[in-house]
């Protein structure tokens, strides 16, 4: 019995590997077989966090309204809830530094810090600029004759393809898919662009970036 179960599991593994091999062959590029196909950035939200905008010779991501609202809720809860608790406690005659007030302030600080961190994360500029010749993350524009910095910037001429990955995220309330777009450089390095749970938006963005850069999209999910 156990031998049959092991044999079936092995067969499923081989079938999956063969299917992956066929899909990778469809890309017609040996580099697709050499790169990692696991998520570059694990996790992800179940809603759209960024909106892609297009100007002349430039694509840029900005925080979506949903992302700003989500971060704002955390920050607001972190500030307002402790204020109400402390105000009510003082009104009932308790000392301002009473233990319950300190606990409320501590929990509030955690929520506020998380909210501010998400706000910073969502609002960090993500840019493709043909005039500068670079993709970069952050406010500082790379130097025109600078080198690639995989953690921050990549020359557009070094971008070989785009990688699109779907990741199933499990939570207490069920599960959902988060999708990420990565840059594949000519050397086979991966650089993260964006990820969130709005499938339609991610696929539309990948197509827009692909046409802008004139590079293919590698997607094993299609």
C-alpha atoms as a PDB file:
ATOM      1  CA  UNK A   1       0.000   0.000   0.000  1.00  0.00           C
ATOM      2  CA  UNK A   2       2.717   2.441   1.009  1.00  0.00           C
ATOM      3  CA  UNK A   3       4.738   1.519  -2.070  1.00  0.00           C
ATOM      4  CA  UNK A   4       1.758   2.417  -4.279  1.00  0.00           C
ATOM      5  CA  UNK A   5       1.308   5.742  -2.484  1.00  0.00           C
ATOM      6  CA  UNK A   6       5.002   6.556  -2.876  1.00  0.00           C
ATOM      7  CA  UNK A   7       4.890   5.538  -6.532  1.00  0.00           C
ATOM      8  CA  UNK A   8       1.855   7.766  -7.183  1.00  0.00           C
ATOM      9  CA  UNK A   9       3.512  10.699  -5.422  1.00  0.00           C
ATOM     10  CA  UNK A  10       6.655  10.177  -7.469  1.00  0.00           C
ATOM     11  CA  UNK A  11       4.608   9.992 -10.659  1.00  0.00           C
ATOM     12  CA  UNK A  12       2.797  13.240  -9.836  1.00  0.00           C
ATOM     13  CA  UNK A  13       6.152  14.898  -9.196  1.00  0.00           C
ATOM     14  CA  UNK A  14       7.509  13.673 -12.529  1.00  0.00           C
ATOM     15  CA  UNK A  15       4.354  14.795 -14.356  1.00  0.00           C
ATOM     16  CA  UNK A  16       4.667  18.251 -12.791  1.00  0.00           C
ATOM     17  CA  UNK A  17       8.341  18.503 -13.731  1.00  0.00           C
ATOM     18  CA  UNK A  18       7.574  17.432 -17.305  1.00  0.00           C
ATOM     19  CA  UNK A  19       4.772  19.988 -17.563  1.00  0.00           C
ATOM     20  CA  UNK A  20       7.101  22.696 -16.245  1.00  0.00           C
ATOM     21  CA  UNK A  21       9.749  21.664 -18.761  1.00  0.00           C
ATOM     22  CA  UNK A  22       7.258  21.963 -21.619  1.00  0.00           C
ATOM     23  CA  UNK A  23       6.112  25.400 -20.476  1.00  0.00           C
ATOM     24  CA  UNK A  24       9.684  26.628 -20.150  1.00  0.00           C
ATOM     25  CA  UNK A  25      10.449  25.306 -23.629  1.00  0.00           C
ATOM     26  CA  UNK A  26       7.584  27.420 -24.968  1.00  0.00           C
ATOM     27  CA  UNK A  27       9.527  30.566 -24.046  1.00  0.00           C
ATOM     28  CA  UNK A  28      12.223  29.574 -26.531  1.00  0.00           C
ATOM     29  CA  UNK A  29      14.964  30.953 -24.301  1.00  0.00           C
ATOM     30  CA  UNK A  30      17.471  28.838 -22.324  1.00  0.00           C
ATOM     31  CA  UNK A  31      17.712  31.561 -19.669  1.00  0.00           C
ATOM     32  CA  UNK A  32      14.124  30.792 -18.606  1.00  0.00           C
ATOM     33  CA  UNK A  33      15.292  27.365 -17.405  1.00  0.00           C
ATOM     34  CA  UNK A  34      18.178  28.767 -15.391  1.00  0.00           C
ATOM     35  CA  UNK A  35      16.328  31.328 -13.281  1.00  0.00           C
ATOM     36  CA  UNK A  36      14.440  30.699 -10.048  1.00  0.00           C
ATOM     37  CA  UNK A  37      10.655  30.426 -10.373  1.00  0.00           C
ATOM     38  CA  UNK A  38       9.789  30.675  -6.698  1.00  0.00           C
ATOM     39  CA  UNK A  39       8.367  34.008  -5.456  1.00  0.00           C
ATOM     40  CA  UNK A  40      11.094  36.610  -5.091  1.00  0.00           C
ATOM     41  CA  UNK A  41       9.047  38.441  -2.474  1.00  0.00           C
ATOM     42  CA  UNK A  42       6.954  36.094  -0.366  1.00  0.00           C
ATOM     43  CA  UNK A  43       3.518  37.103   0.835  1.00  0.00           C
ATOM     44  CA  UNK A  44       1.448  39.915  -0.608  1.00  0.00           C
ATOM     45  CA  UNK A  45      -1.853  41.694  -0.199  1.00  0.00           C
ATOM     46  CA  UNK A  46      -5.206  40.549  -1.568  1.00  0.00           C
ATOM     47  CA  UNK A  47      -5.918  43.987  -3.054  1.00  0.00           C
ATOM     48  CA  UNK A  48      -4.313  46.359  -5.535  1.00  0.00           C
ATOM     49  CA  UNK A  49      -1.513  48.319  -3.879  1.00  0.00           C
ATOM     50  CA  UNK A  50      -0.067  50.227  -6.848  1.00  0.00           C
ATOM     51  CA  UNK A  51      -1.316  52.003  -9.948  1.00  0.00           C
ATOM     52  CA  UNK A  52       0.826  52.199 -13.094  1.00  0.00           C
ATOM     53  CA  UNK A  53       0.848  55.538 -14.910  1.00  0.00           C
ATOM     54  CA  UNK A  54       2.405  56.292 -18.287  1.00  0.00           C
ATOM     55  CA  UNK A  55       3.939  59.554 -19.440  1.00  0.00           C
ATOM     56  CA  UNK A  56       6.200  60.325 -22.384  1.00  0.00           C
ATOM     57  CA  UNK A  57       9.095  57.811 -22.250  1.00  0.00           C
ATOM     58  CA  UNK A  58       8.285  57.035 -18.621  1.00  0.00           C
ATOM     59  CA  UNK A  59       6.298  54.508 -16.572  1.00  0.00           C
ATOM     60  CA  UNK A  60       5.841  54.938 -12.849  1.00  0.00           C
ATOM     61  CA  UNK A  61       3.998  53.197 -10.043  1.00  0.00           C
ATOM     62  CA  UNK A  62       2.131  55.141  -7.400  1.00  0.00           C
ATOM     63  CA  UNK A  63       0.256  53.962  -4.328  1.00  0.00           C
ATOM     64  CA  UNK A  64      -3.371  53.049  -5.009  1.00  0.00           C
ATOM     65  CA  UNK A  65      -6.217  54.636  -3.061  1.00  0.00           C
ATOM     66  CA  UNK A  66      -6.886  51.275  -1.419  1.00  0.00           C
ATOM     67  CA  UNK A  67      -3.300  51.016  -0.192  1.00  0.00           C
ATOM     68  CA  UNK A  68      -3.365  54.543   1.219  1.00  0.00           C
ATOM     69  CA  UNK A  69      -6.671  53.838   2.962  1.00  0.00           C
ATOM     70  CA  UNK A  70      -5.346  50.568   4.409  1.00  0.00           C
ATOM     71  CA  UNK A  71      -2.199  52.212   5.785  1.00  0.00           C
ATOM     72  CA  UNK A  72      -4.243  55.153   7.056  1.00  0.00           C
ATOM     73  CA  UNK A  73      -6.570  52.860   9.009  1.00  0.00           C
ATOM     74  CA  UNK A  74      -3.631  51.339  10.890  1.00  0.00           C
ATOM     75  CA  UNK A  75      -2.125  54.739  11.650  1.00  0.00           C
ATOM     76  CA  UNK A  76      -5.475  56.210  12.721  1.00  0.00           C
ATOM     77  CA  UNK A  77      -6.279  53.278  15.013  1.00  0.00           C
ATOM     78  CA  UNK A  78      -2.815  53.549  16.527  1.00  0.00           C
ATOM     79  CA  UNK A  79      -3.348  57.211  17.377  1.00  0.00           C
ATOM     80  CA  UNK A  80      -7.065  57.633  18.085  1.00  0.00           C
ATOM     81  CA  UNK A  81      -7.865  54.508  20.120  1.00  0.00           C
ATOM     82  CA  UNK A  82      -5.184  55.156  22.793  1.00  0.00           C
ATOM     83  CA  UNK A  83      -6.240  58.820  22.951  1.00  0.00           C
ATOM     84  CA  UNK A  84      -9.849  57.856  23.706  1.00  0.00           C
ATOM     85  CA  UNK A  85      -8.783  55.235  26.256  1.00  0.00           C
ATOM     86  CA  UNK A  86      -6.383  57.574  28.038  1.00  0.00           C
ATOM     87  CA  UNK A  87      -8.867  60.459  27.929  1.00  0.00           C
ATOM     88  CA  UNK A  88     -11.586  58.285  29.454  1.00  0.00           C
ATOM     89  CA  UNK A  89      -9.190  56.943  32.070  1.00  0.00           C
ATOM     90  CA  UNK A  90      -8.095  60.408  33.154  1.00  0.00           C
ATOM     91  CA  UNK A  91     -11.714  61.541  33.210  1.00  0.00           C
ATOM     92  CA  UNK A  92     -12.496  58.770  35.692  1.00  0.00           C
ATOM     93  CA  UNK A  93      -9.729  59.953  37.999  1.00  0.00           C
ATOM     94  CA  UNK A  94      -6.843  57.685  36.977  1.00  0.00           C
ATOM     95  CA  UNK A  95      -3.270  58.925  36.689  1.00  0.00           C
ATOM     96  CA  UNK A  96      -2.003  59.666  33.186  1.00  0.00           C
ATOM     97  CA  UNK A  97       0.797  57.120  33.658  1.00  0.00           C
ATOM     98  CA  UNK A  98      -1.506  54.403  34.975  1.00  0.00           C
ATOM     99  CA  UNK A  99      -0.686  50.903  33.727  1.00  0.00           C
ATOM    100  CA  UNK A 100      -3.760  50.672  31.490  1.00  0.00           C
ATOM    101  CA  UNK A 101      -2.824  53.951  29.822  1.00  0.00           C
ATOM    102  CA  UNK A 102       0.738  52.803  29.212  1.00  0.00           C
ATOM    103  CA  UNK A 103      -0.532  49.529  27.722  1.00  0.00           C
ATOM    104  CA  UNK A 104      -2.941  51.408  25.444  1.00  0.00           C
ATOM    105  CA  UNK A 105      -0.154  53.750  24.353  1.00  0.00           C
ATOM    106  CA  UNK A 106       2.137  50.785  23.674  1.00  0.00           C
ATOM    107  CA  UNK A 107      -0.370  48.935  21.508  1.00  0.00           C
ATOM    108  CA  UNK A 108      -1.282  52.167  19.768  1.00  0.00           C
ATOM    109  CA  UNK A 109       2.356  52.839  18.964  1.00  0.00           C
ATOM    110  CA  UNK A 110       2.655  49.433  17.306  1.00  0.00           C
ATOM    111  CA  UNK A 111      -0.344  50.102  15.049  1.00  0.00           C
ATOM    112  CA  UNK A 112       0.873  53.607  14.247  1.00  0.00           C
ATOM    113  CA  UNK A 113       4.376  52.389  13.358  1.00  0.00           C
ATOM    114  CA  UNK A 114       2.969  49.623  11.139  1.00  0.00           C
ATOM    115  CA  UNK A 115       0.705  52.142   9.409  1.00  0.00           C
ATOM    116  CA  UNK A 116       3.564  54.562   8.792  1.00  0.00           C
ATOM    117  CA  UNK A 117       5.794  51.738   7.546  1.00  0.00           C
ATOM    118  CA  UNK A 118       3.126  50.602   5.063  1.00  0.00           C
ATOM    119  CA  UNK A 119       2.619  54.197   3.956  1.00  0.00           C
ATOM    120  CA  UNK A 120       6.358  54.515   3.254  1.00  0.00           C
ATOM    121  CA  UNK A 121       6.419  51.130   1.509  1.00  0.00           C
ATOM    122  CA  UNK A 122       3.431  51.873  -0.714  1.00  0.00           C
ATOM    123  CA  UNK A 123       4.518  55.408  -1.625  1.00  0.00           C
ATOM    124  CA  UNK A 124       8.116  54.572  -2.561  1.00  0.00           C
ATOM    125  CA  UNK A 125       8.391  55.575  -6.256  1.00  0.00           C
ATOM    126  CA  UNK A 126       8.951  52.774  -8.798  1.00  0.00           C
ATOM    127  CA  UNK A 127      10.063  54.130 -12.169  1.00  0.00           C
ATOM    128  CA  UNK A 128      11.030  53.105 -15.701  1.00  0.00           C
ATOM    129  CA  UNK A 129      12.511  56.061 -17.597  1.00  0.00           C
ATOM    130  CA  UNK A 130      13.855  55.863 -21.157  1.00  0.00           C
ATOM    131  CA  UNK A 131      15.341  59.351 -20.945  1.00  0.00           C
ATOM    132  CA  UNK A 132      17.470  58.313 -17.973  1.00  0.00           C
ATOM    133  CA  UNK A 133      17.838  54.745 -19.237  1.00  0.00           C
ATOM    134  CA  UNK A 134      17.101  53.104 -15.901  1.00  0.00           C
ATOM    135  CA  UNK A 135      14.543  51.302 -13.798  1.00  0.00           C
ATOM    136  CA  UNK A 136      14.811  52.340 -10.170  1.00  0.00           C
ATOM    137  CA  UNK A 137      13.032  52.234  -6.853  1.00  0.00           C
ATOM    138  CA  UNK A 138      13.088  55.306  -4.623  1.00  0.00           C
ATOM    139  CA  UNK A 139      13.252  59.068  -5.023  1.00  0.00           C
ATOM    140  CA  UNK A 140      16.875  59.339  -6.143  1.00  0.00           C
ATOM    141  CA  UNK A 141      17.402  59.115  -9.903  1.00  0.00           C
ATOM    142  CA  UNK A 142      20.369  56.861 -10.823  1.00  0.00           C
ATOM    143  CA  UNK A 143      23.398  58.459 -12.425  1.00  0.00           C
ATOM    144  CA  UNK A 144      23.258  58.244 -16.211  1.00  0.00           C
ATOM    145  CA  UNK A 145      26.593  56.438 -16.393  1.00  0.00           C
ATOM    146  CA  UNK A 146      26.225  54.563 -13.131  1.00  0.00           C
ATOM    147  CA  UNK A 147      26.232  50.812 -12.628  1.00  0.00           C
ATOM    148  CA  UNK A 148      23.374  48.440 -11.881  1.00  0.00           C
ATOM    149  CA  UNK A 149      22.364  48.189  -8.259  1.00  0.00           C
ATOM    150  CA  UNK A 150      19.974  45.195  -8.079  1.00  0.00           C
ATOM    151  CA  UNK A 151      18.552  46.424  -4.784  1.00  0.00           C
ATOM    152  CA  UNK A 152      17.724  49.805  -6.275  1.00  0.00           C
ATOM    153  CA  UNK A 153      18.224  50.206 -10.042  1.00  0.00           C
ATOM    154  CA  UNK A 154      18.801  48.388 -13.344  1.00  0.00           C
ATOM    155  CA  UNK A 155      19.730  49.736 -16.759  1.00  0.00           C
ATOM    156  CA  UNK A 156      16.836  49.329 -19.190  1.00  0.00           C
ATOM    157  CA  UNK A 157      19.262  47.929 -21.770  1.00  0.00           C
ATOM    158  CA  UNK A 158      20.123  45.105 -19.332  1.00  0.00           C
ATOM    159  CA  UNK A 159      16.501  43.973 -18.929  1.00  0.00           C
ATOM    160  CA  UNK A 160      16.009  40.700 -20.799  1.00  0.00           C
ATOM    161  CA  UNK A 161      12.449  39.734 -19.833  1.00  0.00           C
ATOM    162  CA  UNK A 162       9.683  40.105 -17.270  1.00  0.00           C
ATOM    163  CA  UNK A 163       8.728  37.260 -14.955  1.00  0.00           C
ATOM    164  CA  UNK A 164       5.167  36.904 -13.687  1.00  0.00           C
ATOM    165  CA  UNK A 165       4.568  34.617 -10.701  1.00  0.00           C
ATOM    166  CA  UNK A 166       1.386  33.658  -8.843  1.00  0.00           C
ATOM    167  CA  UNK A 167       1.633  32.738  -5.167  1.00  0.00           C
ATOM    168  CA  UNK A 168      -1.150  31.197  -3.100  1.00  0.00           C
ATOM    169  CA  UNK A 169      -1.390  32.933   0.275  1.00  0.00           C
ATOM    170  CA  UNK A 170      -3.128  31.171   3.154  1.00  0.00           C
ATOM    171  CA  UNK A 171      -4.722  33.131   5.974  1.00  0.00           C
ATOM    172  CA  UNK A 172      -7.096  32.497   8.870  1.00  0.00           C
ATOM    173  CA  UNK A 173     -10.009  33.579   6.676  1.00  0.00           C
ATOM    174  CA  UNK A 174      -9.124  31.354   3.729  1.00  0.00           C
ATOM    175  CA  UNK A 175      -6.669  31.826   0.897  1.00  0.00           C
ATOM    176  CA  UNK A 176      -6.031  34.071  -2.079  1.00  0.00           C
ATOM    177  CA  UNK A 177      -3.494  34.579  -4.852  1.00  0.00           C
ATOM    178  CA  UNK A 178      -0.897  37.317  -4.909  1.00  0.00           C
ATOM    179  CA  UNK A 179       0.884  38.096  -8.172  1.00  0.00           C
ATOM    180  CA  UNK A 180       4.331  39.576  -8.639  1.00  0.00           C
ATOM    181  CA  UNK A 181       6.235  41.039 -11.576  1.00  0.00           C
ATOM    182  CA  UNK A 182      10.021  40.719 -11.618  1.00  0.00           C
ATOM    183  CA  UNK A 183      12.732  41.944 -13.943  1.00  0.00           C
ATOM    184  CA  UNK A 184      15.012  39.301 -15.466  1.00  0.00           C
ATOM    185  CA  UNK A 185      18.378  40.758 -16.413  1.00  0.00           C
ATOM    186  CA  UNK A 186      20.597  39.445 -19.195  1.00  0.00           C
ATOM    187  CA  UNK A 187      22.741  37.805 -16.498  1.00  0.00           C
ATOM    188  CA  UNK A 188      19.710  35.967 -15.097  1.00  0.00           C
ATOM    189  CA  UNK A 189      19.326  38.099 -11.973  1.00  0.00           C
ATOM    190  CA  UNK A 190      15.829  38.839 -10.703  1.00  0.00           C
ATOM    191  CA  UNK A 191      14.745  42.272  -9.488  1.00  0.00           C
ATOM    192  CA  UNK A 192      11.358  42.794  -7.883  1.00  0.00           C
ATOM    193  CA  UNK A 193       9.001  45.383  -9.368  1.00  0.00           C
ATOM    194  CA  UNK A 194       5.615  45.022  -7.679  1.00  0.00           C
ATOM    195  CA  UNK A 195       3.215  42.460  -6.204  1.00  0.00           C
ATOM    196  CA  UNK A 196      -0.404  42.437  -5.037  1.00  0.00           C
ATOM    197  CA  UNK A 197      -3.638  40.468  -5.333  1.00  0.00           C
ATOM    198  CA  UNK A 198      -5.408  42.152  -8.251  1.00  0.00           C
ATOM    199  CA  UNK A 199      -4.798  39.683 -11.090  1.00  0.00           C
ATOM    200  CA  UNK A 200      -6.280  41.792 -13.868  1.00  0.00           C
ATOM    201  CA  UNK A 201      -4.227  44.827 -12.898  1.00  0.00           C
ATOM    202  CA  UNK A 202      -0.987  42.830 -12.646  1.00  0.00           C
ATOM    203  CA  UNK A 203      -1.460  41.257 -16.074  1.00  0.00           C
ATOM    204  CA  UNK A 204      -2.330  44.594 -17.665  1.00  0.00           C
ATOM    205  CA  UNK A 205       0.728  46.188 -16.044  1.00  0.00           C
ATOM    206  CA  UNK A 206       3.004  43.374 -17.223  1.00  0.00           C
ATOM    207  CA  UNK A 207       1.736  43.837 -20.781  1.00  0.00           C
ATOM    208  CA  UNK A 208       2.242  47.616 -20.616  1.00  0.00           C
ATOM    209  CA  UNK A 209       5.794  47.297 -19.258  1.00  0.00           C
ATOM    210  CA  UNK A 210       6.562  44.580 -21.815  1.00  0.00           C
ATOM    211  CA  UNK A 211       5.562  46.838 -24.718  1.00  0.00           C
ATOM    212  CA  UNK A 212       7.375  49.818 -23.191  1.00  0.00           C
ATOM    213  CA  UNK A 213      10.640  47.862 -22.899  1.00  0.00           C
ATOM    214  CA  UNK A 214      10.069  45.592 -25.907  1.00  0.00           C
ATOM    215  CA  UNK A 215      10.815  42.465 -23.869  1.00  0.00           C
ATOM    216  CA  UNK A 216       8.724  39.290 -23.390  1.00  0.00           C
ATOM    217  CA  UNK A 217       6.644  38.317 -20.371  1.00  0.00           C
ATOM    218  CA  UNK A 218       7.443  34.869 -18.985  1.00  0.00           C
ATOM    219  CA  UNK A 219       4.380  33.492 -17.256  1.00  0.00           C
ATOM    220  CA  UNK A 220       3.919  29.836 -16.313  1.00  0.00           C
ATOM    221  CA  UNK A 221       0.310  30.399 -15.248  1.00  0.00           C
ATOM    222  CA  UNK A 222      -1.136  30.874 -18.717  1.00  0.00           C
END
